[in-house]
Amino acid sequence: MDLTLVKNFLRIDIDDDDEYLMLLTEAARDYVTAAVGECNESKPRVKLLMLNIIASLYETRQFTIDKTNEKVQYALNTMITQLQLETESGDTIA
């Protein structure tokens, strides 16, 4: 995933956190791969999932779920489940 896309999504204009953002991008890629079995970044849902994982880790700097982001976490978990089912069935829907 392109660093420019990540920074635009997070609305970051400075370069101070670029190395950290790249680490978060790698972690998000690993997370999706572990959860789904693959990380096809050409799929819009995979990109969106990765961007939201990166944003969550960047903004909170910890793994927590609270009432303010519970609905977002539900949507992300649903995306993961859909991607898992597609991977298992061999479906190529984006």
N, C-alpha and C. Protein backbone atom coordinates (compact mmCIF):
# COMPACT_ATOMS: atom_id res chain seq x y z
N MET A 1 0.85 -1.17 0.00
CA MET A 1 0.00 0.00 0.00
C MET A 1 0.89 1.23 0.00
N ASP A 2 0.51 2.20 -0.75
CA ASP A 2 1.27 3.42 -0.93
C ASP A 2 1.20 4.31 0.31
N LEU A 3 2.35 4.81 0.74
CA LEU A 3 2.41 5.68 1.91
C LEU A 3 1.59 6.95 1.71
N THR A 4 1.55 7.46 0.50
CA THR A 4 0.76 8.67 0.21
C THR A 4 -0.72 8.43 0.48
N LEU A 5 -1.22 7.26 0.08
CA LEU A 5 -2.62 6.92 0.34
C LEU A 5 -2.89 6.86 1.84
N VAL A 6 -2.00 6.24 2.58
CA VAL A 6 -2.15 6.14 4.03
C VAL A 6 -2.17 7.53 4.66
N LYS A 7 -1.22 8.37 4.27
CA LYS A 7 -1.16 9.72 4.84
C LYS A 7 -2.38 10.55 4.46
N ASN A 8 -2.87 10.41 3.24
CA ASN A 8 -4.08 11.13 2.84
C ASN A 8 -5.28 10.65 3.65
N PHE A 9 -5.39 9.34 3.85
CA PHE A 9 -6.49 8.79 4.63
C PHE A 9 -6.47 9.32 6.06
N LEU A 10 -5.28 9.42 6.63
CA LEU A 10 -5.13 9.91 8.00
C LEU A 10 -5.06 11.43 8.10
N ARG A 11 -5.03 12.08 6.93
CA ARG A 11 -4.92 13.55 6.86
C ARG A 11 -3.64 14.04 7.55
N ILE A 12 -2.53 13.40 7.18
CA ILE A 12 -1.22 13.76 7.73
C ILE A 12 -0.43 14.47 6.63
N ASP A 13 0.08 15.68 6.95
CA ASP A 13 0.82 16.46 5.98
C ASP A 13 2.33 16.46 6.21
N ILE A 14 2.77 15.97 7.34
CA ILE A 14 4.19 16.00 7.67
C ILE A 14 4.80 14.61 7.48
N ASP A 15 6.11 14.56 7.44
CA ASP A 15 6.81 13.30 7.21
C ASP A 15 7.38 12.68 8.48
N ASP A 16 7.12 13.28 9.63
CA ASP A 16 7.72 12.83 10.88
C ASP A 16 7.41 11.38 11.23
N ASP A 17 6.23 10.90 10.90
CA ASP A 17 5.80 9.55 11.28
C ASP A 17 5.85 8.54 10.13
N ASP A 18 6.54 8.88 9.05
CA ASP A 18 6.55 8.00 7.88
C ASP A 18 7.04 6.58 8.20
N GLU A 19 8.11 6.47 8.97
CA GLU A 19 8.64 5.16 9.31
C GLU A 19 7.63 4.37 10.13
N TYR A 20 6.99 5.03 11.09
CA TYR A 20 5.97 4.39 11.91
C TYR A 20 4.76 3.97 11.06
N LEU A 21 4.36 4.82 10.13
CA LEU A 21 3.24 4.50 9.25
C LEU A 21 3.55 3.29 8.37
N MET A 22 4.79 3.17 7.92
CA MET A 22 5.18 2.00 7.13
C MET A 22 5.14 0.74 7.99
N LEU A 23 5.55 0.85 9.25
CA LEU A 23 5.47 -0.29 10.17
C LEU A 23 4.01 -0.69 10.37
N LEU A 24 3.13 0.28 10.56
CA LEU A 24 1.71 -0.01 10.73
C LEU A 24 1.11 -0.63 9.47
N THR A 25 1.57 -0.19 8.31
CA THR A 25 1.10 -0.77 7.04
C THR A 25 1.50 -2.23 6.94
N GLU A 26 2.74 -2.54 7.29
CA GLU A 26 3.20 -3.93 7.28
C GLU A 26 2.40 -4.77 8.29
N ALA A 27 2.14 -4.19 9.46
CA ALA A 27 1.37 -4.91 10.48
C ALA A 27 -0.06 -5.17 10.00
N ALA A 28 -0.67 -4.18 9.35
CA ALA A 28 -2.02 -4.35 8.82
C ALA A 28 -2.05 -5.43 7.75
N ARG A 29 -1.04 -5.45 6.88
CA ARG A 29 -0.93 -6.46 5.83
C ARG A 29 -0.81 -7.86 6.46
N ASP A 30 0.05 -7.98 7.47
CA ASP A 30 0.22 -9.25 8.17
C ASP A 30 -1.07 -9.68 8.87
N TYR A 31 -1.77 -8.71 9.46
CA TYR A 31 -3.03 -9.01 10.15
C TYR A 31 -4.06 -9.58 9.18
N VAL A 32 -4.22 -8.91 8.05
CA VAL A 32 -5.19 -9.36 7.05
C VAL A 32 -4.79 -10.74 6.51
N THR A 33 -3.52 -10.92 6.24
CA THR A 33 -3.05 -12.22 5.74
C THR A 33 -3.33 -13.32 6.75
N ALA A 34 -3.05 -13.06 8.02
CA ALA A 34 -3.30 -14.07 9.06
C ALA A 34 -4.79 -14.34 9.24
N ALA A 35 -5.60 -13.31 9.11
CA ALA A 35 -7.04 -13.47 9.32
C ALA A 35 -7.74 -14.12 8.13
N VAL A 36 -7.26 -13.83 6.92
CA VAL A 36 -7.96 -14.23 5.71
C VAL A 36 -7.21 -15.32 4.94
N GLY A 37 -5.91 -15.35 5.05
CA GLY A 37 -5.12 -16.31 4.29
C GLY A 37 -4.39 -15.67 3.13
N GLU A 38 -4.79 -14.45 2.79
CA GLU A 38 -4.15 -13.67 1.73
C GLU A 38 -4.47 -12.20 1.96
N CYS A 39 -3.70 -11.35 1.33
CA CYS A 39 -3.94 -9.90 1.43
C CYS A 39 -3.85 -9.31 0.04
N ASN A 40 -4.96 -9.40 -0.69
CA ASN A 40 -5.03 -8.90 -2.05
C ASN A 40 -5.41 -7.43 -2.02
N GLU A 41 -4.40 -6.57 -2.03
CA GLU A 41 -4.63 -5.13 -1.90
C GLU A 41 -5.32 -4.50 -3.11
N SER A 42 -5.55 -5.27 -4.16
CA SER A 42 -6.29 -4.73 -5.30
C SER A 42 -7.80 -4.73 -5.02
N LYS A 43 -8.24 -5.47 -4.00
CA LYS A 43 -9.65 -5.47 -3.62
C LYS A 43 -9.95 -4.23 -2.78
N PRO A 44 -10.97 -3.46 -3.13
CA PRO A 44 -11.29 -2.26 -2.37
C PRO A 44 -11.54 -2.52 -0.89
N ARG A 45 -12.22 -3.63 -0.57
CA ARG A 45 -12.47 -3.93 0.85
C ARG A 45 -11.19 -4.20 1.61
N VAL A 46 -10.24 -4.83 0.97
CA VAL A 46 -8.96 -5.10 1.63
C VAL A 46 -8.23 -3.79 1.90
N LYS A 47 -8.21 -2.90 0.91
CA LYS A 47 -7.59 -1.59 1.10
C LYS A 47 -8.26 -0.83 2.24
N LEU A 48 -9.58 -0.80 2.22
CA LEU A 48 -10.31 -0.09 3.26
C LEU A 48 -10.08 -0.71 4.63
N LEU A 49 -10.06 -2.02 4.69
CA LEU A 49 -9.78 -2.72 5.94
C LEU A 49 -8.39 -2.35 6.44
N MET A 50 -7.41 -2.41 5.58
CA MET A 50 -6.05 -2.07 5.98
C MET A 50 -5.94 -0.62 6.44
N LEU A 51 -6.56 0.29 5.71
CA LEU A 51 -6.51 1.70 6.11
C LEU A 51 -7.15 1.93 7.47
N ASN A 52 -8.23 1.23 7.75
CA ASN A 52 -8.88 1.39 9.04
C ASN A 52 -8.07 0.75 10.17
N ILE A 53 -7.41 -0.35 9.90
CA ILE A 53 -6.53 -0.95 10.90
C ILE A 53 -5.38 0.01 11.20
N ILE A 54 -4.79 0.55 10.14
CA ILE A 54 -3.69 1.51 10.31
C ILE A 54 -4.16 2.72 11.10
N ALA A 55 -5.32 3.26 10.74
CA ALA A 55 -5.85 4.44 11.44
C ALA A 55 -6.10 4.15 12.91
N SER A 56 -6.69 3.00 13.19
CA SER A 56 -6.98 2.64 14.57
C SER A 56 -5.70 2.54 15.39
N LEU A 57 -4.70 1.88 14.84
CA LEU A 57 -3.43 1.73 15.55
C LEU A 57 -2.70 3.06 15.69
N TYR A 58 -2.78 3.90 14.67
CA TYR A 58 -2.10 5.19 14.70
C TYR A 58 -2.76 6.14 15.71
N GLU A 59 -4.07 6.17 15.70
CA GLU A 59 -4.79 7.13 16.53
C GLU A 59 -4.82 6.73 18.00
N THR A 60 -4.90 5.44 18.28
CA THR A 60 -5.01 5.02 19.68
C THR A 60 -3.70 4.47 20.23
N ARG A 61 -2.83 4.00 19.34
CA ARG A 61 -1.54 3.41 19.71
C ARG A 61 -1.70 2.23 20.65
N GLN A 62 -2.86 1.57 20.57
CA GLN A 62 -3.10 0.39 21.38
C GLN A 62 -4.25 -0.41 20.79
N PHE A 63 -4.36 -1.67 21.20
CA PHE A 63 -5.46 -2.52 20.75
C PHE A 63 -6.58 -2.46 21.78
N THR A 64 -7.56 -1.62 21.53
CA THR A 64 -8.71 -1.53 22.42
C THR A 64 -9.97 -1.31 21.59
N ILE A 65 -11.07 -1.72 22.15
CA ILE A 65 -12.37 -1.43 21.55
C ILE A 65 -13.22 -0.80 22.64
N ASP A 66 -13.77 0.37 22.35
CA ASP A 66 -14.67 1.00 23.30
C ASP A 66 -15.97 1.35 22.59
N LYS A 67 -16.87 1.93 23.29
CA LYS A 67 -18.19 2.23 22.72
C LYS A 67 -18.12 3.18 21.54
N THR A 68 -17.12 4.06 21.48
CA THR A 68 -17.06 5.04 20.40
C THR A 68 -16.69 4.42 19.07
N ASN A 69 -15.97 3.30 19.07
CA ASN A 69 -15.59 2.70 17.80
C ASN A 69 -16.12 1.29 17.64
N GLU A 70 -17.09 0.92 18.44
CA GLU A 70 -17.65 -0.43 18.40
C GLU A 70 -18.29 -0.76 17.04
N LYS A 71 -19.02 0.19 16.46
CA LYS A 71 -19.67 -0.05 15.16
C LYS A 71 -18.64 -0.19 14.05
N VAL A 72 -17.58 0.59 14.10
CA VAL A 72 -16.52 0.48 13.11
C VAL A 72 -15.85 -0.89 13.22
N GLN A 73 -15.58 -1.32 14.44
CA GLN A 73 -14.95 -2.62 14.65
C GLN A 73 -15.85 -3.74 14.13
N TYR A 74 -17.15 -3.60 14.31
CA TYR A 74 -18.10 -4.59 13.80
C TYR A 74 -18.01 -4.66 12.27
N ALA A 75 -17.97 -3.49 11.63
CA ALA A 75 -17.89 -3.45 10.17
C ALA A 75 -16.58 -4.08 9.69
N LEU A 76 -15.49 -3.80 10.37
CA LEU A 76 -14.20 -4.38 9.98
C LEU A 76 -14.20 -5.89 10.18
N ASN A 77 -14.77 -6.36 11.28
CA ASN A 77 -14.86 -7.80 11.51
C ASN A 77 -15.72 -8.48 10.45
N THR A 78 -16.78 -7.81 10.03
CA THR A 78 -17.63 -8.35 8.98
C THR A 78 -16.86 -8.45 7.66
N MET A 79 -16.07 -7.42 7.34
CA MET A 79 -15.25 -7.46 6.12
C MET A 79 -14.27 -8.64 6.18
N ILE A 80 -13.66 -8.84 7.33
CA ILE A 80 -12.72 -9.95 7.48
C ILE A 80 -13.44 -11.27 7.24
N THR A 81 -14.61 -11.43 7.83
CA THR A 81 -15.37 -12.67 7.65
C THR A 81 -15.72 -12.89 6.19
N GLN A 82 -16.17 -11.85 5.50
CA GLN A 82 -16.50 -11.97 4.08
C GLN A 82 -15.28 -12.39 3.27
N LEU A 83 -14.15 -11.77 3.54
CA LEU A 83 -12.93 -12.10 2.81
C LEU A 83 -12.47 -13.52 3.11
N GLN A 84 -12.64 -13.96 4.36
CA GLN A 84 -12.30 -15.34 4.71
C GLN A 84 -13.14 -16.32 3.92
N LEU A 85 -14.45 -16.07 3.86
CA LEU A 85 -15.35 -16.95 3.13
C LEU A 85 -15.03 -16.98 1.64
N GLU A 86 -14.71 -15.81 1.07
CA GLU A 86 -14.35 -15.75 -0.34
C GLU A 86 -13.07 -16.52 -0.61
N THR A 87 -12.09 -16.40 0.27
CA THR A 87 -10.83 -17.10 0.10
C THR A 87 -11.03 -18.61 0.18
N GLU A 88 -11.86 -19.04 1.13
CA GLU A 88 -12.13 -20.46 1.29
C GLU A 88 -12.85 -21.03 0.08
N SER A 89 -13.75 -20.25 -0.48
CA SER A 89 -14.55 -20.75 -1.61
C SER A 89 -13.86 -20.52 -2.96
N GLY A 90 -12.77 -19.76 -2.95
CA GLY A 90 -12.08 -19.47 -4.20
C GLY A 90 -12.74 -18.37 -5.01
N ASP A 91 -13.71 -17.68 -4.42
CA ASP A 91 -14.41 -16.58 -5.09
C ASP A 91 -13.47 -15.42 -5.32
N THR A 92 -13.65 -14.69 -6.39
CA THR A 92 -12.77 -13.56 -6.71
C THR A 92 -13.52 -12.24 -6.74
N ILE A 93 -14.63 -12.14 -6.07
CA ILE A 93 -15.41 -10.91 -6.02
C ILE A 93 -14.59 -9.85 -5.27
N ALA A 94 -14.56 -8.63 -5.79
CA ALA A 94 -13.77 -7.56 -5.18
C ALA A 94 -14.45 -6.98 -3.98
